[in-house]
Amino acid sequence: MSEADIIAIGKDAVKTVLLVAAPALGIGILVGLIVSIFQATTQIQEQTLTFIPKIIAVLISLIIFGPWMLRNITNFSRTLLENLHTFIK
């Protein structure tokens, strides 16, 4: 196994992780921004107001994007396992 193979596997792993995490993180950031703007305009500084909507939004995004995330992780794992014989030399 050459250094180029290791770098390619690492690159694919990082790309898969970022791609899978992006929907939940993006929706969490968007909801956090909306809640922050709401808090700034109304001057409500309740701590639970920041966490509860983000948790609910991330859970809903996991339900919606879950099958797609699982498909991406499965494709990466399948590719890695199918090429395992080329790594063991």
C-alpha atoms as a PDB file:
ATOM      1  CA  MET A   1       0.000   0.000   0.000  1.00  0.00           C
ATOM      2  CA  SER A   2       1.541   3.248  -1.090  1.00  0.00           C
ATOM      3  CA  GLU A   3       1.350   6.657   0.466  1.00  0.00           C
ATOM      4  CA  ALA A   4      -0.919   7.816  -2.351  1.00  0.00           C
ATOM      5  CA  ASP A   5      -3.426   5.081  -1.465  1.00  0.00           C
ATOM      6  CA  ILE A   6      -3.421   6.119   2.182  1.00  0.00           C
ATOM      7  CA  ILE A   7      -3.901   9.766   1.259  1.00  0.00           C
ATOM      8  CA  ALA A   8      -6.746   8.854  -1.118  1.00  0.00           C
ATOM      9  CA  ILE A   9      -8.509   6.823   1.565  1.00  0.00           C
ATOM     10  CA  GLY A  10      -8.089   9.632   4.086  1.00  0.00           C
ATOM     11  CA  LYS A  11      -9.367  12.188   1.589  1.00  0.00           C
ATOM     12  CA  ASP A  12     -12.432  10.078   0.818  1.00  0.00           C
ATOM     13  CA  ALA A  13     -13.079   9.518   4.528  1.00  0.00           C
ATOM     14  CA  VAL A  14     -12.908  13.236   5.339  1.00  0.00           C
ATOM     15  CA  LYS A  15     -15.103  14.069   2.324  1.00  0.00           C
ATOM     16  CA  THR A  16     -17.680  11.494   3.421  1.00  0.00           C
ATOM     17  CA  VAL A  17     -17.725  12.757   7.010  1.00  0.00           C
ATOM     18  CA  LEU A  18     -18.149  16.377   5.926  1.00  0.00           C
ATOM     19  CA  LEU A  19     -20.835  15.453   3.410  1.00  0.00           C
ATOM     20  CA  VAL A  20     -22.788  13.392   5.946  1.00  0.00           C
ATOM     21  CA  ALA A  21     -22.529  15.975   8.735  1.00  0.00           C
ATOM     22  CA  ALA A  22     -23.345  18.991   6.556  1.00  0.00           C
ATOM     23  CA  PRO A  23     -27.176  18.828   6.580  1.00  0.00           C
ATOM     24  CA  ALA A  24     -27.521  18.523  10.361  1.00  0.00           C
ATOM     25  CA  LEU A  25     -24.855  21.139  11.052  1.00  0.00           C
ATOM     26  CA  GLY A  26     -26.227  23.541   8.454  1.00  0.00           C
ATOM     27  CA  ILE A  27     -29.768  23.329   9.783  1.00  0.00           C
ATOM     28  CA  GLY A  28     -28.494  23.663  13.358  1.00  0.00           C
ATOM     29  CA  ILE A  29     -26.553  26.798  12.449  1.00  0.00           C
ATOM     30  CA  LEU A  30     -29.518  28.272  10.573  1.00  0.00           C
ATOM     31  CA  VAL A  31     -31.924  27.661  13.461  1.00  0.00           C
ATOM     32  CA  GLY A  32     -29.364  29.038  15.934  1.00  0.00           C
ATOM     33  CA  LEU A  33     -29.037  32.196  13.864  1.00  0.00           C
ATOM     34  CA  ILE A  34     -32.806  32.655  13.699  1.00  0.00           C
ATOM     35  CA  VAL A  35     -33.146  32.122  17.449  1.00  0.00           C
ATOM     36  CA  SER A  36     -30.294  34.562  18.129  1.00  0.00           C
ATOM     37  CA  ILE A  37     -31.920  37.224  15.973  1.00  0.00           C
ATOM     38  CA  PHE A  38     -35.227  36.606  17.768  1.00  0.00           C
ATOM     39  CA  GLN A  39     -33.527  36.921  21.156  1.00  0.00           C
ATOM     40  CA  ALA A  40     -31.736  40.107  20.151  1.00  0.00           C
ATOM     41  CA  THR A  41     -34.902  41.763  18.899  1.00  0.00           C
ATOM     42  CA  THR A  42     -37.081  40.764  21.848  1.00  0.00           C
ATOM     43  CA  GLN A  43     -34.313  40.932  24.475  1.00  0.00           C
ATOM     44  CA  ILE A  44     -35.340  37.556  25.880  1.00  0.00           C
ATOM     45  CA  GLN A  45     -32.255  35.872  27.346  1.00  0.00           C
ATOM     46  CA  GLU A  46     -33.689  32.476  28.231  1.00  0.00           C
ATOM     47  CA  GLN A  47     -31.020  29.756  27.987  1.00  0.00           C
ATOM     48  CA  THR A  48     -33.394  26.955  27.019  1.00  0.00           C
ATOM     49  CA  LEU A  49     -34.649  29.022  24.108  1.00  0.00           C
ATOM     50  CA  THR A  50     -31.297  28.555  22.362  1.00  0.00           C
ATOM     51  CA  PHE A  51     -30.942  24.801  22.807  1.00  0.00           C
ATOM     52  CA  ILE A  52     -34.415  23.306  22.421  1.00  0.00           C
ATOM     53  CA  PRO A  53     -35.150  24.585  18.874  1.00  0.00           C
ATOM     54  CA  LYS A  54     -31.679  23.539  17.691  1.00  0.00           C
ATOM     55  CA  ILE A  55     -32.051  20.052  19.147  1.00  0.00           C
ATOM     56  CA  ILE A  56     -35.475  19.626  17.555  1.00  0.00           C
ATOM     57  CA  ALA A  57     -34.247  20.952  14.192  1.00  0.00           C
ATOM     58  CA  VAL A  58     -31.221  18.650  14.168  1.00  0.00           C
ATOM     59  CA  LEU A  59     -33.365  15.638  15.080  1.00  0.00           C
ATOM     60  CA  ILE A  60     -35.818  16.459  12.286  1.00  0.00           C
ATOM     61  CA  SER A  61     -32.935  16.875   9.837  1.00  0.00           C
ATOM     62  CA  LEU A  62     -31.552  13.489  10.902  1.00  0.00           C
ATOM     63  CA  ILE A  63     -34.945  11.920  10.259  1.00  0.00           C
ATOM     64  CA  ILE A  64     -35.226  13.579   6.848  1.00  0.00           C
ATOM     65  CA  PHE A  65     -31.622  13.133   5.698  1.00  0.00           C
ATOM     66  CA  GLY A  66     -30.939   9.882   7.588  1.00  0.00           C
ATOM     67  CA  PRO A  67     -31.427   7.498   4.658  1.00  0.00           C
ATOM     68  CA  TRP A  68     -29.203   9.634   2.444  1.00  0.00           C
ATOM     69  CA  MET A  69     -26.527   9.805   5.164  1.00  0.00           C
ATOM     70  CA  LEU A  70     -26.661   6.054   5.666  1.00  0.00           C
ATOM     71  CA  ARG A  71     -26.386   5.487   1.904  1.00  0.00           C
ATOM     72  CA  ASN A  72     -23.250   7.667   1.719  1.00  0.00           C
ATOM     73  CA  ILE A  73     -21.605   5.913   4.651  1.00  0.00           C
ATOM     74  CA  THR A  74     -22.548   2.505   3.235  1.00  0.00           C
ATOM     75  CA  ASN A  75     -21.131   3.391  -0.200  1.00  0.00           C
ATOM     76  CA  PHE A  76     -17.853   4.507   1.370  1.00  0.00           C
ATOM     77  CA  SER A  77     -17.634   1.351   3.481  1.00  0.00           C
ATOM     78  CA  ARG A  78     -18.521  -0.873   0.547  1.00  0.00           C
ATOM     79  CA  THR A  79     -15.871   0.760  -1.636  1.00  0.00           C
ATOM     80  CA  LEU A  80     -13.297   0.389   1.113  1.00  0.00           C
ATOM     81  CA  LEU A  81     -14.113  -3.275   1.692  1.00  0.00           C
ATOM     82  CA  GLU A  82     -14.256  -4.121  -2.019  1.00  0.00           C
ATOM     83  CA  ASN A  83     -10.774  -2.679  -2.488  1.00  0.00           C
ATOM     84  CA  LEU A  84      -9.372  -4.303   0.648  1.00  0.00           C
ATOM     85  CA  HIS A  85      -7.440  -6.874  -1.349  1.00  0.00           C
ATOM     86  CA  THR A  86      -5.456  -4.091  -3.039  1.00  0.00           C
ATOM     87  CA  PHE A  87      -4.468  -2.609   0.310  1.00  0.00           C
ATOM     88  CA  ILE A  88      -3.048  -5.841   1.694  1.00  0.00           C
ATOM     89  CA  LYS A  89       0.114  -6.395  -0.301  1.00  0.00           C
END
